[in-house]
């Protein structure tokens, strides 16, 4: 399908996954010796060809009537996607704890604390790491291990009551799911749980509580009916990232980590800043926002045909779901405008290989980490 989803072919897993960014293609004759190569340099000709391809597939825009439909009925298109694929489309994200150690067991609080203490000692005004740090993982992998809808279990009625309550009332500091937790993680755009369940399975911190939300009620139903869903450690709820009127089920300044993995690109660009602003207010001082998403000129962008472009670098897939392709500068502007400080903003051009068919696929993804200042003048 034009504008493919981010995952590509899954790589073979070793007993312990190494940090990505360590496999470089020095000899072009060896290109088919591995499934993927890191930080592949593009020639000027390749970059120019990619730009021409994007200009070409952007000349014919989707008509305004259909654009309105894709926006108003976005939840229906995503619901249809999950009804068709259920939880068999995606793979677990086994790379989470190497690329995002903030999510790892018994490392989370210390990781953030050490980061800020180091910056304080160095009297660095911004919370930054070396931007030449570890590279991105380019074989983004979604989840397929959860059970199908026929294995449904009854969702505890208290969750429905809480969902109804939080949609109408201001959240009180001592009355919300996970209020007794000492470390809180929220994933926005959780899909069928391909990030949430690896966290719950791996991180046995008794003080951990994970929140997860998605635009699709079908996706949330798949999460809640998964045998590994534990309401005492996790709260899944339907939420529209762009809905300015609907509050999150946690008070401001209560979250340690917010995860955005291939979700921000699915919303209208004009609504991205306000969405990030609202999420930023939920972070504790010192809290972190983690993102992985599409980069400009990714293979998926180049595969779109004329007539699928909604606006600059924003497209609609054949199933009605939408996708935007970012630059590092755009993401930096979104996060810093929301009052966050850069820790990491990396781009990697990764070469994926289909050795059976002797095909090469160039992916471009961006990984970001932005933190909330320890002393913030914003609310």
Protein backbone atom coordinates (compact mmCIF):
# COMPACT_ATOMS: atom_id res chain seq x y z
CA UNK A 1 0.00 0.00 0.00
CA UNK A 2 1.29 3.46 -0.82
CA UNK A 3 2.65 5.17 2.25
CA UNK A 4 3.47 1.99 4.14
CA UNK A 5 3.49 1.81 7.93
CA UNK A 6 6.81 2.30 9.69
CA UNK A 7 7.81 -1.18 10.60
CA UNK A 8 9.15 -2.94 7.54
CA UNK A 9 10.46 -6.48 7.94
CA UNK A 10 11.31 -7.40 11.54
CA UNK A 11 14.93 -8.16 12.28
CA UNK A 12 16.10 -11.40 13.86
CA UNK A 13 16.39 -10.89 17.61
CA UNK A 14 19.52 -11.81 19.51
CA UNK A 15 19.39 -12.92 23.14
CA UNK A 16 20.11 -9.35 24.13
CA UNK A 17 19.35 -6.58 21.69
CA UNK A 18 22.27 -4.21 21.21
CA UNK A 19 21.96 -0.47 20.86
CA UNK A 20 21.30 0.41 17.25
CA UNK A 21 23.60 2.61 15.25
CA UNK A 22 26.58 0.25 15.27
CA UNK A 23 26.28 -1.49 11.92
CA UNK A 24 27.76 0.50 9.06
CA UNK A 25 27.97 -0.37 5.39
CA UNK A 26 31.60 0.22 4.40
CA UNK A 27 31.60 -2.17 1.45
CA UNK A 28 28.61 -1.80 -0.92
CA UNK A 29 29.23 -5.35 -2.14
CA UNK A 30 28.15 -6.59 1.32
CA UNK A 31 24.78 -4.82 1.29
CA UNK A 32 22.80 -8.08 1.37
CA UNK A 33 24.84 -9.64 4.18
CA UNK A 34 22.54 -8.15 6.86
CA UNK A 35 18.90 -7.08 7.22
CA UNK A 36 19.72 -3.45 7.89
CA UNK A 37 22.50 -0.85 7.98
CA UNK A 38 22.71 2.24 10.22
CA UNK A 39 23.30 5.90 9.34
CA UNK A 40 23.54 5.34 5.63
CA UNK A 41 24.84 8.47 3.93
CA UNK A 42 22.79 9.76 1.02
CA UNK A 43 24.52 11.07 -2.06
CA UNK A 44 23.59 14.49 -3.38
CA UNK A 45 21.89 12.76 -6.29
CA UNK A 46 19.79 10.56 -4.01
CA UNK A 47 18.73 13.51 -1.84
CA UNK A 48 17.83 15.55 -4.94
CA UNK A 49 15.84 12.64 -6.37
CA UNK A 50 13.90 12.30 -3.12
CA UNK A 51 13.06 16.00 -3.13
CA UNK A 52 11.88 15.80 -6.74
CA UNK A 53 9.71 12.80 -5.91
CA UNK A 54 8.04 14.66 -3.05
CA UNK A 55 7.44 17.71 -5.23
CA UNK A 56 5.93 15.46 -7.85
CA UNK A 57 3.55 13.60 -5.53
CA UNK A 58 2.49 16.89 -3.89
CA UNK A 59 1.34 18.67 -7.06
CA UNK A 60 -2.17 17.21 -6.92
CA UNK A 61 -3.90 17.73 -3.56
CA UNK A 62 -6.88 15.90 -2.07
CA UNK A 63 -10.04 17.96 -2.56
CA UNK A 64 -11.28 19.97 0.41
CA UNK A 65 -14.46 17.90 0.82
CA UNK A 66 -12.48 14.70 1.29
CA UNK A 67 -10.00 16.44 3.58
CA UNK A 68 -12.87 17.42 5.87
CA UNK A 69 -14.09 13.82 5.84
CA UNK A 70 -10.66 12.46 6.79
CA UNK A 71 -10.54 14.87 9.73
CA UNK A 72 -14.10 14.46 11.01
CA UNK A 73 -14.13 10.68 10.61
CA UNK A 74 -10.52 10.00 11.56
CA UNK A 75 -11.60 7.77 14.45
CA UNK A 76 -13.68 5.65 12.06
CA UNK A 77 -10.73 5.07 9.74
CA UNK A 78 -8.51 3.99 12.63
CA UNK A 79 -11.25 1.80 14.10
CA UNK A 80 -11.61 0.10 10.72
CA UNK A 81 -7.86 -0.43 10.60
CA UNK A 82 -7.83 -2.22 13.94
CA UNK A 83 -10.98 -4.19 13.15
CA UNK A 84 -9.27 -5.54 10.04
CA UNK A 85 -5.85 -6.21 11.53
CA UNK A 86 -6.80 -6.63 15.22
CA UNK A 87 -3.49 -7.28 16.99
CA UNK A 88 -1.80 -9.35 14.31
CA UNK A 89 -0.32 -6.46 12.31
CA UNK A 90 2.36 -5.22 14.70
CA UNK A 91 5.36 -6.57 16.59
CA UNK A 92 6.54 -5.93 20.14
CA UNK A 93 9.06 -3.11 20.48
CA UNK A 94 11.96 -5.06 21.95
CA UNK A 95 14.27 -2.07 21.48
CA UNK A 96 12.46 0.10 24.03
CA UNK A 97 14.84 -0.33 26.94
CA UNK A 98 18.04 0.12 24.94
CA UNK A 99 16.92 3.31 23.22
CA UNK A 100 14.73 4.61 26.06
CA UNK A 101 16.40 3.56 29.36
CA UNK A 102 13.96 5.88 31.11
CA UNK A 103 11.45 3.02 30.79
CA UNK A 104 13.73 0.30 32.13
CA UNK A 105 13.17 -1.30 35.55
CA UNK A 106 15.03 0.21 38.53
CA UNK A 107 16.74 2.70 36.21
CA UNK A 108 14.00 5.20 35.54
CA UNK A 109 14.19 7.58 38.48
CA UNK A 110 17.98 7.38 38.74
CA UNK A 111 18.42 8.03 35.01
CA UNK A 112 16.57 11.33 35.16
CA UNK A 113 18.10 12.34 38.48
CA UNK A 114 21.66 11.71 37.27
CA UNK A 115 20.95 13.55 34.02
CA UNK A 116 19.90 16.74 35.78
CA UNK A 117 22.55 16.56 38.49
CA UNK A 118 25.20 16.28 35.79
CA UNK A 119 23.83 19.30 33.96
CA UNK A 120 23.57 21.26 37.17
CA UNK A 121 27.19 20.58 38.07
CA UNK A 122 28.24 21.67 34.62
CA UNK A 123 26.04 24.77 34.91
CA UNK A 124 24.48 24.01 31.56
CA UNK A 125 21.38 26.18 31.06
CA UNK A 126 19.60 23.54 29.01
CA UNK A 127 19.10 19.83 29.62
CA UNK A 128 21.12 18.51 26.69
CA UNK A 129 23.08 15.42 25.84
CA UNK A 130 25.66 15.04 23.10
CA UNK A 131 23.70 15.08 19.87
CA UNK A 132 26.19 12.64 18.43
CA UNK A 133 24.86 9.98 20.78
CA UNK A 134 23.32 6.60 19.88
CA UNK A 135 21.55 6.41 16.58
CA UNK A 136 17.98 5.50 15.90
CA UNK A 137 16.61 2.06 15.39
CA UNK A 138 15.23 1.92 11.95
CA UNK A 139 13.36 -1.33 11.99
CA UNK A 140 10.46 -0.01 14.06
CA UNK A 141 8.51 -3.06 15.22
CA UNK A 142 4.87 -3.25 16.28
CA UNK A 143 3.02 -5.84 18.31
CA UNK A 144 1.42 -9.14 17.36
CA UNK A 145 1.57 -11.23 20.53
CA UNK A 146 -1.72 -10.27 22.17
CA UNK A 147 -4.85 -12.40 21.81
CA UNK A 148 -7.75 -11.77 19.47
CA UNK A 149 -11.10 -10.29 20.42
CA UNK A 150 -12.63 -13.73 20.89
CA UNK A 151 -10.65 -14.03 24.14
CA UNK A 152 -12.41 -11.06 25.70
CA UNK A 153 -12.57 -10.61 29.43
CA UNK A 154 -14.99 -8.32 31.17
CA UNK A 155 -13.58 -4.85 31.72
CA UNK A 156 -13.89 -3.81 35.36
CA UNK A 157 -16.85 -1.43 35.62
CA UNK A 158 -14.82 0.98 37.75
CA UNK A 159 -12.81 1.95 34.64
CA UNK A 160 -15.94 2.96 32.77
CA UNK A 161 -17.06 5.04 35.74
CA UNK A 162 -13.69 6.73 35.98
CA UNK A 163 -13.69 7.44 32.25
CA UNK A 164 -17.12 9.03 32.52
CA UNK A 165 -16.05 11.00 35.56
CA UNK A 166 -12.83 12.39 34.12
CA UNK A 167 -14.50 13.58 30.95
CA UNK A 168 -16.67 15.97 32.92
CA UNK A 169 -14.78 16.89 36.09
CA UNK A 170 -11.43 18.46 36.96
CA UNK A 171 -9.02 15.78 38.15
CA UNK A 172 -8.22 16.00 41.86
CA UNK A 173 -4.64 15.41 42.97
CA UNK A 174 -5.66 12.51 45.25
CA UNK A 175 -8.47 10.99 43.16
CA UNK A 176 -7.25 9.51 39.91
CA UNK A 177 -6.10 6.09 38.64
CA UNK A 178 -2.57 5.38 39.82
CA UNK A 179 -2.63 8.21 42.36
CA UNK A 180 -0.51 6.15 44.80
CA UNK A 181 2.16 5.35 42.19
CA UNK A 182 5.66 6.78 42.50
CA UNK A 183 6.56 6.57 38.79
CA UNK A 184 3.96 7.28 36.10
CA UNK A 185 4.24 6.69 32.36
CA UNK A 186 1.71 7.74 29.73
CA UNK A 187 1.76 6.45 26.17
CA UNK A 188 -0.30 8.49 23.74
CA UNK A 189 -1.42 6.57 20.67
CA UNK A 190 -0.85 3.16 22.25
CA UNK A 191 -2.52 1.11 19.51
CA UNK A 192 -2.93 -2.49 20.68
CA UNK A 193 -0.28 -2.16 23.40
CA UNK A 194 2.96 -2.81 21.54
CA UNK A 195 4.81 -0.49 23.91
CA UNK A 196 2.67 -0.80 27.03
CA UNK A 197 2.85 -4.57 27.44
CA UNK A 198 6.64 -4.83 27.08
CA UNK A 199 6.92 -2.17 29.79
CA UNK A 200 4.52 -4.00 32.12
CA UNK A 201 6.25 -7.32 31.43
CA UNK A 202 9.77 -5.98 31.98
CA UNK A 203 9.47 -3.24 34.58
CA UNK A 204 8.50 -4.79 37.92
CA UNK A 205 8.86 -1.57 39.89
CA UNK A 206 6.02 -1.77 42.47
CA UNK A 207 5.60 2.00 42.24
CA UNK A 208 5.08 1.96 38.46
CA UNK A 209 1.74 2.85 36.87
CA UNK A 210 1.23 3.01 33.11
CA UNK A 211 -1.48 5.01 31.36
CA UNK A 212 -2.21 4.43 27.70
CA UNK A 213 -4.69 6.03 25.34
CA UNK A 214 -5.63 5.86 21.71
CA UNK A 215 -7.96 7.63 19.32
CA UNK A 216 -9.46 4.26 18.36
CA UNK A 217 -11.97 2.64 20.72
CA UNK A 218 -11.30 -0.65 18.93
CA UNK A 219 -7.59 -0.44 19.79
CA UNK A 220 -8.36 0.30 23.45
CA UNK A 221 -10.77 -2.64 23.58
CA UNK A 222 -7.96 -4.87 22.29
CA UNK A 223 -5.68 -3.55 25.05
CA UNK A 224 -8.26 -4.01 27.79
CA UNK A 225 -9.12 -7.55 26.69
CA UNK A 226 -5.50 -8.65 26.46
CA UNK A 227 -4.81 -11.30 29.16
CA UNK A 228 -1.77 -9.29 30.26
CA UNK A 229 -3.79 -6.13 30.95
CA UNK A 230 -3.66 -5.48 34.71
CA UNK A 231 -5.95 -2.66 35.94
CA UNK A 232 -3.91 -2.41 39.14
CA UNK A 233 -0.87 -1.32 37.11
CA UNK A 234 -2.38 0.13 33.94
CA UNK A 235 -5.25 2.34 32.85
CA UNK A 236 -6.28 2.31 29.17
CA UNK A 237 -8.71 4.91 27.87
CA UNK A 238 -9.98 6.42 24.63
CA UNK A 239 -8.67 9.94 24.02
CA UNK A 240 -8.43 12.38 21.13
CA UNK A 241 -5.02 14.04 21.25
CA UNK A 242 -6.48 17.07 19.47
CA UNK A 243 -9.56 17.53 21.68
CA UNK A 244 -8.88 20.68 23.67
CA UNK A 245 -12.00 20.21 25.80
CA UNK A 246 -11.33 16.67 27.03
CA UNK A 247 -8.93 16.33 29.95
CA UNK A 248 -6.47 13.53 30.66
CA UNK A 249 -7.19 11.30 33.71
CA UNK A 250 -4.23 12.72 35.64
CA UNK A 251 -3.56 16.13 37.20
CA UNK A 252 -1.00 18.57 35.87
CA UNK A 253 2.57 17.91 36.90
CA UNK A 254 2.00 14.24 37.74
CA UNK A 255 3.76 12.27 34.98
CA UNK A 256 7.40 11.19 34.81
CA UNK A 257 7.37 10.02 31.18
CA UNK A 258 5.17 10.64 28.13
CA UNK A 259 5.72 8.41 25.08
CA UNK A 260 4.81 9.38 21.52
CA UNK A 261 5.70 6.65 19.01
CA UNK A 262 4.45 7.18 15.46
CA UNK A 263 1.41 9.08 16.71
CA UNK A 264 2.11 12.80 16.34
CA UNK A 265 2.49 12.30 12.58
CA UNK A 266 -1.10 11.03 12.38
CA UNK A 267 -2.73 14.36 13.27
CA UNK A 268 -3.24 17.60 11.35
CA UNK A 269 -0.03 19.69 11.50
CA UNK A 270 -1.94 22.79 12.63
CA UNK A 271 -3.06 20.96 15.78
CA UNK A 272 0.31 19.54 16.81
CA UNK A 273 1.55 22.48 18.88
CA UNK A 274 -1.50 22.71 21.13
CA UNK A 275 -1.43 18.94 21.61
CA UNK A 276 2.20 19.04 22.76
CA UNK A 277 1.49 22.06 24.97
CA UNK A 278 -1.27 20.16 26.80
CA UNK A 279 0.93 17.10 27.26
CA UNK A 280 3.83 19.21 28.53
CA UNK A 281 1.68 20.52 31.37
CA UNK A 282 1.15 16.96 32.60
CA UNK A 283 4.89 16.37 33.15
CA UNK A 284 6.56 16.77 36.51
CA UNK A 285 9.54 19.13 36.62
CA UNK A 286 12.34 16.91 35.34
CA UNK A 287 9.88 14.69 33.47
CA UNK A 288 10.65 13.53 29.95
CA UNK A 289 8.80 13.35 26.64
CA UNK A 290 10.04 10.57 24.33
CA UNK A 291 9.24 10.50 20.61
CA UNK A 292 9.97 8.37 17.59
CA UNK A 293 8.34 9.30 14.28
CA UNK A 294 8.73 9.64 10.51
CA UNK A 295 11.50 11.76 9.03
CA UNK A 296 11.36 13.77 5.82
CA UNK A 297 11.97 11.73 2.64
CA UNK A 298 11.32 8.40 4.32
CA UNK A 299 10.56 5.61 1.86
CA UNK A 300 6.89 5.76 2.84
CA UNK A 301 6.70 9.42 1.76
CA UNK A 302 8.36 8.73 -1.57
CA UNK A 303 5.91 5.91 -2.34
CA UNK A 304 2.81 8.10 -2.25
CA UNK A 305 1.12 8.74 -5.57
CA UNK A 306 -0.35 11.97 -6.90
CA UNK A 307 -3.70 12.77 -5.35
CA UNK A 308 -2.81 11.46 -1.86
CA UNK A 309 -1.23 14.68 -0.59
CA UNK A 310 -3.32 16.71 1.89
CA UNK A 311 -0.82 19.53 2.46
CA UNK A 312 2.94 19.95 2.57
CA UNK A 313 4.47 16.62 3.67
CA UNK A 314 1.07 15.42 4.95
CA UNK A 315 -0.64 12.51 3.18
CA UNK A 316 -3.58 10.12 3.38
CA UNK A 317 -3.10 6.38 2.98
CA UNK A 318 -5.42 4.15 1.04
CA UNK A 319 -7.26 3.16 4.23
CA UNK A 320 -8.01 6.79 5.19
CA UNK A 321 -5.37 7.12 7.93
CA UNK A 322 -2.98 10.05 7.62
CA UNK A 323 0.73 10.65 8.11
CA UNK A 324 3.13 13.60 8.30
CA UNK A 325 6.91 13.52 7.71
CA UNK A 326 9.02 15.68 10.06
CA UNK A 327 12.33 17.47 10.07
CA UNK A 328 14.40 17.72 13.25
CA UNK A 329 13.88 21.47 13.28
CA UNK A 330 10.09 21.14 13.21
CA UNK A 331 10.07 18.77 16.18
CA UNK A 332 12.51 20.94 18.10
CA UNK A 333 10.25 23.94 17.59
CA UNK A 334 7.19 22.01 18.80
CA UNK A 335 8.85 20.85 22.02
CA UNK A 336 10.75 24.00 22.91
CA UNK A 337 7.67 26.15 22.29
CA UNK A 338 5.93 23.93 24.85
CA UNK A 339 8.61 24.84 27.40
CA UNK A 340 10.70 21.68 27.11
CA UNK A 341 14.47 21.43 26.74
CA UNK A 342 16.35 19.22 24.31
CA UNK A 343 18.11 16.12 25.55
CA UNK A 344 18.23 14.28 22.22
CA UNK A 345 17.12 14.96 18.65
CA UNK A 346 18.53 12.40 16.23
CA UNK A 347 17.84 11.44 12.65
CA UNK A 348 19.07 8.29 10.96
CA UNK A 349 18.81 7.23 7.36
CA UNK A 350 18.61 3.48 7.66
CA UNK A 351 18.97 1.01 4.83
CA UNK A 352 16.71 -2.03 5.22
CA UNK A 353 17.34 -5.03 3.05
CA UNK A 354 15.13 -7.82 1.72
CA UNK A 355 17.79 -10.40 1.10
CA UNK A 356 15.39 -12.88 -0.48
CA UNK A 357 14.17 -10.46 -3.14
CA UNK A 358 17.46 -8.49 -3.28
CA UNK A 359 15.63 -5.24 -2.53
CA UNK A 360 16.85 -2.17 -0.63
CA UNK A 361 14.58 0.22 1.30
CA UNK A 362 15.68 3.59 2.65
CA UNK A 363 13.96 4.63 5.88
CA UNK A 364 14.24 7.98 7.67
CA UNK A 365 13.07 8.17 11.28
CA UNK A 366 13.61 10.69 14.08
CA UNK A 367 14.05 10.05 17.79
CA UNK A 368 13.67 12.82 20.36
CA UNK A 369 13.91 13.24 24.12
CA UNK A 370 12.83 16.54 25.66
CA UNK A 371 12.62 17.32 29.37
CA UNK A 372 10.67 19.72 31.51
CA UNK A 373 12.96 22.11 33.41
CA UNK A 374 13.34 21.39 37.11
CA UNK A 375 12.40 24.99 37.87
CA UNK A 376 9.67 25.94 35.41
CA UNK A 377 7.98 29.28 35.15
CA UNK A 378 5.17 27.72 33.12
CA UNK A 379 2.10 26.11 34.62
